[in-house]
Amino acid sequence: MKNIAVIADTSGSMAEDDKNAVVRYVLGSIANLREKREFSSYCFELYEWGASTRKAEDWDNIKLNFAGRADAEALGEVLEEGDRSLLIISDGNFPKKTIRALKELCLKYRTAAVSVGMDASRSALKKITTNGEVFSVTEIAAAIKSL
């Protein structure tokens, strides 16, 4: 079984320009992929990462709150230890301090990123991924398989 923690950036910047709708679209795509045989060996956990940072207990009925800031330390505290990969869905618009902390956190995990929004900082997202690879929202299956 391949464990993947899906990290949905729900910080304030994700509330702009319909990025929140794109995040919901990506999460819906992942929910659909979970039902396909090709992805039956994957176990997905969903984490909301913004004003509140928490693990979602009910994937299908989660209410995302797009506000606040994404704090790398808070994310590190809620991620359960163990063998897993991270799939970060974000615009990458983080302060430098957060990027540094994320880089350190992501060293513990195989990490891929999906960029959201026209103003996405792909360079920031590349810095926190394992292979420097950033995927678009239409490449969600490829992003998962890269892990």
C-alpha atoms as a PDB file:
ATOM      1  CA  MET A   1       0.000   0.000   0.000  1.00  0.00           C
ATOM      2  CA  LYS A   2       1.329   3.421  -0.946  1.00  0.00           C
ATOM      3  CA  ASN A   3       0.345   6.116   1.567  1.00  0.00           C
ATOM      4  CA  ILE A   4      -0.103   9.629   0.230  1.00  0.00           C
ATOM      5  CA  ALA A   5      -0.883  12.668   2.354  1.00  0.00           C
ATOM      6  CA  VAL A   6      -2.737  15.161   0.162  1.00  0.00           C
ATOM      7  CA  ILE A   7      -2.004  18.639   1.510  1.00  0.00           C
ATOM      8  CA  ALA A   8      -4.593  21.202   0.385  1.00  0.00           C
ATOM      9  CA  ASP A   9      -3.265  24.745   0.865  1.00  0.00           C
ATOM     10  CA  THR A  10      -6.237  26.673   2.236  1.00  0.00           C
ATOM     11  CA  SER A  11      -4.365  29.860   3.106  1.00  0.00           C
ATOM     12  CA  GLY A  12      -5.781  33.282   2.264  1.00  0.00           C
ATOM     13  CA  SER A  13      -4.006  33.519  -1.100  1.00  0.00           C
ATOM     14  CA  MET A  14      -5.901  30.407  -2.220  1.00  0.00           C
ATOM     15  CA  ALA A  15      -9.210  32.278  -1.803  1.00  0.00           C
ATOM     16  CA  GLU A  16      -8.229  34.620  -4.666  1.00  0.00           C
ATOM     17  CA  ASP A  17      -9.003  34.194  -8.367  1.00  0.00           C
ATOM     18  CA  ASP A  18     -11.143  31.064  -7.899  1.00  0.00           C
ATOM     19  CA  LYS A  19      -8.158  29.012  -6.751  1.00  0.00           C
ATOM     20  CA  ASN A  20     -10.398  27.536  -4.051  1.00  0.00           C
ATOM     21  CA  ALA A  21     -12.660  26.101  -6.776  1.00  0.00           C
ATOM     22  CA  VAL A  22      -9.600  24.618  -8.498  1.00  0.00           C
ATOM     23  CA  VAL A  23      -8.510  22.960  -5.240  1.00  0.00           C
ATOM     24  CA  ARG A  24     -11.971  21.429  -4.911  1.00  0.00           C
ATOM     25  CA  TYR A  25     -11.743  20.238  -8.525  1.00  0.00           C
ATOM     26  CA  VAL A  26      -8.361  18.580  -7.868  1.00  0.00           C
ATOM     27  CA  LEU A  27      -9.684  16.917  -4.713  1.00  0.00           C
ATOM     28  CA  GLY A  28     -12.697  15.659  -6.681  1.00  0.00           C
ATOM     29  CA  SER A  29     -10.342  14.264  -9.309  1.00  0.00           C
ATOM     30  CA  ILE A  30      -8.373  12.430  -6.643  1.00  0.00           C
ATOM     31  CA  ALA A  31     -11.610  11.068  -5.175  1.00  0.00           C
ATOM     32  CA  ASN A  32     -12.503   9.704  -8.619  1.00  0.00           C
ATOM     33  CA  LEU A  33      -9.038   8.189  -9.074  1.00  0.00           C
ATOM     34  CA  ARG A  34      -9.357   6.380  -5.732  1.00  0.00           C
ATOM     35  CA  GLU A  35     -12.129   4.292  -7.292  1.00  0.00           C
ATOM     36  CA  LYS A  36     -10.033   3.137 -10.253  1.00  0.00           C
ATOM     37  CA  ARG A  37      -8.233  -0.209 -10.116  1.00  0.00           C
ATOM     38  CA  GLU A  38      -5.002   1.472 -11.225  1.00  0.00           C
ATOM     39  CA  PHE A  39      -4.962   3.411  -7.938  1.00  0.00           C
ATOM     40  CA  SER A  40      -6.331   0.673  -5.662  1.00  0.00           C
ATOM     41  CA  SER A  41      -2.922   0.219  -4.012  1.00  0.00           C
ATOM     42  CA  TYR A  42      -2.890   3.854  -2.846  1.00  0.00           C
ATOM     43  CA  CYS A  43      -4.191   5.086   0.479  1.00  0.00           C
ATOM     44  CA  PHE A  44      -4.990   8.813   0.495  1.00  0.00           C
ATOM     45  CA  GLU A  45      -5.205  11.043   3.566  1.00  0.00           C
ATOM     46  CA  LEU A  46      -6.394  14.625   3.203  1.00  0.00           C
ATOM     47  CA  TYR A  47      -4.973  17.521   5.217  1.00  0.00           C
ATOM     48  CA  GLU A  48      -6.289  21.080   5.258  1.00  0.00           C
ATOM     49  CA  TRP A  49      -3.409  23.531   5.611  1.00  0.00           C
ATOM     50  CA  GLY A  50      -4.200  27.190   6.287  1.00  0.00           C
ATOM     51  CA  ALA A  51      -5.860  29.086   9.138  1.00  0.00           C
ATOM     52  CA  SER A  52      -6.549  25.671  10.607  1.00  0.00           C
ATOM     53  CA  THR A  53      -4.233  22.784   9.924  1.00  0.00           C
ATOM     54  CA  ARG A  54      -5.899  19.439  10.410  1.00  0.00           C
ATOM     55  CA  LYS A  55      -6.400  15.981   9.027  1.00  0.00           C
ATOM     56  CA  ALA A  56      -9.784  15.564   7.373  1.00  0.00           C
ATOM     57  CA  GLU A  57     -11.633  12.595   8.805  1.00  0.00           C
ATOM     58  CA  ASP A  58     -14.334  12.571   6.123  1.00  0.00           C
ATOM     59  CA  TRP A  59     -12.780  13.082   2.674  1.00  0.00           C
ATOM     60  CA  ASP A  60     -16.125  13.334   0.870  1.00  0.00           C
ATOM     61  CA  ASN A  61     -17.757  15.918   3.127  1.00  0.00           C
ATOM     62  CA  ILE A  62     -14.873  18.180   4.101  1.00  0.00           C
ATOM     63  CA  LYS A  63     -15.638  21.874   4.386  1.00  0.00           C
ATOM     64  CA  LEU A  64     -12.497  23.794   3.467  1.00  0.00           C
ATOM     65  CA  ASN A  65     -11.919  27.197   5.048  1.00  0.00           C
ATOM     66  CA  PHE A  66      -9.723  29.372   2.818  1.00  0.00           C
ATOM     67  CA  ALA A  67      -8.183  31.910   5.199  1.00  0.00           C
ATOM     68  CA  GLY A  68      -5.092  32.659   7.225  1.00  0.00           C
ATOM     69  CA  ARG A  69      -1.588  31.595   6.366  1.00  0.00           C
ATOM     70  CA  ALA A  70       0.047  28.258   5.714  1.00  0.00           C
ATOM     71  CA  ASP A  71       2.416  27.467   8.576  1.00  0.00           C
ATOM     72  CA  ALA A  72       5.021  24.748   7.913  1.00  0.00           C
ATOM     73  CA  GLU A  73       5.471  24.029  11.619  1.00  0.00           C
ATOM     74  CA  ALA A  74       1.729  23.469  12.106  1.00  0.00           C
ATOM     75  CA  LEU A  75       1.728  21.105   9.130  1.00  0.00           C
ATOM     76  CA  GLY A  76       4.662  19.171  10.553  1.00  0.00           C
ATOM     77  CA  GLU A  77       2.816  18.790  13.844  1.00  0.00           C
ATOM     78  CA  VAL A  78      -0.322  17.233  12.315  1.00  0.00           C
ATOM     79  CA  LEU A  79       1.399  14.931   9.823  1.00  0.00           C
ATOM     80  CA  GLU A  80       1.572  11.470  11.286  1.00  0.00           C
ATOM     81  CA  GLU A  81       4.942   9.786  11.329  1.00  0.00           C
ATOM     82  CA  GLY A  82       5.363   6.907   8.980  1.00  0.00           C
ATOM     83  CA  ASP A  83       6.080   5.837   5.470  1.00  0.00           C
ATOM     84  CA  ARG A  84       4.179   8.222   3.238  1.00  0.00           C
ATOM     85  CA  SER A  85       4.560  10.651   0.396  1.00  0.00           C
ATOM     86  CA  LEU A  86       3.245  14.211   0.236  1.00  0.00           C
ATOM     87  CA  LEU A  87       1.197  15.726  -2.567  1.00  0.00           C
ATOM     88  CA  ILE A  88       0.971  19.485  -1.991  1.00  0.00           C
ATOM     89  CA  ILE A  89      -1.757  21.392  -3.825  1.00  0.00           C
ATOM     90  CA  SER A  90      -0.867  25.076  -3.641  1.00  0.00           C
ATOM     91  CA  ASP A  91      -0.103  28.357  -5.355  1.00  0.00           C
ATOM     92  CA  GLY A  92       3.319  28.332  -3.674  1.00  0.00           C
ATOM     93  CA  ASN A  93       2.965  31.948  -2.581  1.00  0.00           C
ATOM     94  CA  PHE A  94       4.782  31.484   0.719  1.00  0.00           C
ATOM     95  CA  PRO A  95       7.097  33.785   2.636  1.00  0.00           C
ATOM     96  CA  LYS A  96      10.787  32.791   2.428  1.00  0.00           C
ATOM     97  CA  LYS A  97      10.695  31.580   6.041  1.00  0.00           C
ATOM     98  CA  THR A  98       7.879  29.155   5.195  1.00  0.00           C
ATOM     99  CA  ILE A  99       9.714  27.896   2.096  1.00  0.00           C
ATOM    100  CA  ARG A 100      12.810  27.146   4.204  1.00  0.00           C
ATOM    101  CA  ALA A 101      10.742  25.312   6.818  1.00  0.00           C
ATOM    102  CA  LEU A 102       8.848  23.393   4.130  1.00  0.00           C
ATOM    103  CA  LYS A 103      12.095  22.346   2.459  1.00  0.00           C
ATOM    104  CA  GLU A 104      13.260  20.903   5.756  1.00  0.00           C
ATOM    105  CA  LEU A 105       9.934  19.152   6.411  1.00  0.00           C
ATOM    106  CA  CYS A 106       9.765  17.740   2.892  1.00  0.00           C
ATOM    107  CA  LEU A 107      13.210  16.153   3.232  1.00  0.00           C
ATOM    108  CA  LYS A 108      11.486  13.514   5.382  1.00  0.00           C
ATOM    109  CA  TYR A 109       9.026  12.571   2.634  1.00  0.00           C
ATOM    110  CA  ARG A 110       8.898  11.972  -1.095  1.00  0.00           C
ATOM    111  CA  THR A 111       7.081  15.127  -2.241  1.00  0.00           C
ATOM    112  CA  ALA A 112       5.314  16.319  -5.384  1.00  0.00           C
ATOM    113  CA  ALA A 113       3.396  19.551  -5.955  1.00  0.00           C
ATOM    114  CA  VAL A 114       0.421  20.622  -8.044  1.00  0.00           C
ATOM    115  CA  SER A 115       0.444  24.326  -8.872  1.00  0.00           C
ATOM    116  CA  VAL A 116      -2.807  26.260  -8.681  1.00  0.00           C
ATOM    117  CA  GLY A 117      -3.466  29.674 -10.201  1.00  0.00           C
ATOM    118  CA  MET A 118      -1.977  31.949 -12.807  1.00  0.00           C
ATOM    119  CA  ASP A 119       0.130  33.633 -10.117  1.00  0.00           C
ATOM    120  CA  ALA A 120       1.495  30.346  -8.765  1.00  0.00           C
ATOM    121  CA  SER A 121       5.126  30.419  -7.720  1.00  0.00           C
ATOM    122  CA  ARG A 122       6.363  27.317  -9.501  1.00  0.00           C
ATOM    123  CA  SER A 123       9.901  28.158  -8.404  1.00  0.00           C
ATOM    124  CA  ALA A 124       8.879  28.022  -4.719  1.00  0.00           C
ATOM    125  CA  LEU A 125       7.057  24.739  -5.289  1.00  0.00           C
ATOM    126  CA  LYS A 126      10.078  23.266  -7.098  1.00  0.00           C
ATOM    127  CA  LYS A 127      12.222  24.003  -4.047  1.00  0.00           C
ATOM    128  CA  ILE A 128      10.091  21.790  -1.802  1.00  0.00           C
ATOM    129  CA  THR A 129       9.580  18.810  -4.116  1.00  0.00           C
ATOM    130  CA  THR A 130      11.764  15.731  -4.250  1.00  0.00           C
ATOM    131  CA  ASN A 131      12.726  15.992  -7.918  1.00  0.00           C
ATOM    132  CA  GLY A 132      11.967  19.665  -8.507  1.00  0.00           C
ATOM    133  CA  GLU A 133       8.944  18.629 -10.536  1.00  0.00           C
ATOM    134  CA  VAL A 134       5.709  20.620 -10.386  1.00  0.00           C
ATOM    135  CA  PHE A 135       2.530  19.382 -12.031  1.00  0.00           C
ATOM    136  CA  SER A 136      -0.476  21.265 -13.395  1.00  0.00           C
ATOM    137  CA  VAL A 137      -3.993  20.496 -12.162  1.00  0.00           C
ATOM    138  CA  THR A 138      -4.680  18.457 -15.305  1.00  0.00           C
ATOM    139  CA  GLU A 139      -1.714  16.183 -14.494  1.00  0.00           C
ATOM    140  CA  ILE A 140      -3.020  14.940 -11.132  1.00  0.00           C
ATOM    141  CA  ALA A 141      -2.704  11.240 -12.042  1.00  0.00           C
ATOM    142  CA  ALA A 142       0.909  11.766 -13.174  1.00  0.00           C
ATOM    143  CA  ALA A 143       1.662  13.669  -9.958  1.00  0.00           C
ATOM    144  CA  ILE A 144       0.354  10.766  -7.867  1.00  0.00           C
ATOM    145  CA  LYS A 145       2.263   8.188  -9.910  1.00  0.00           C
ATOM    146  CA  SER A 146       5.477  10.202  -9.480  1.00  0.00           C
ATOM    147  CA  LEU A 147       5.319   9.453  -5.788  1.00  0.00           C
END
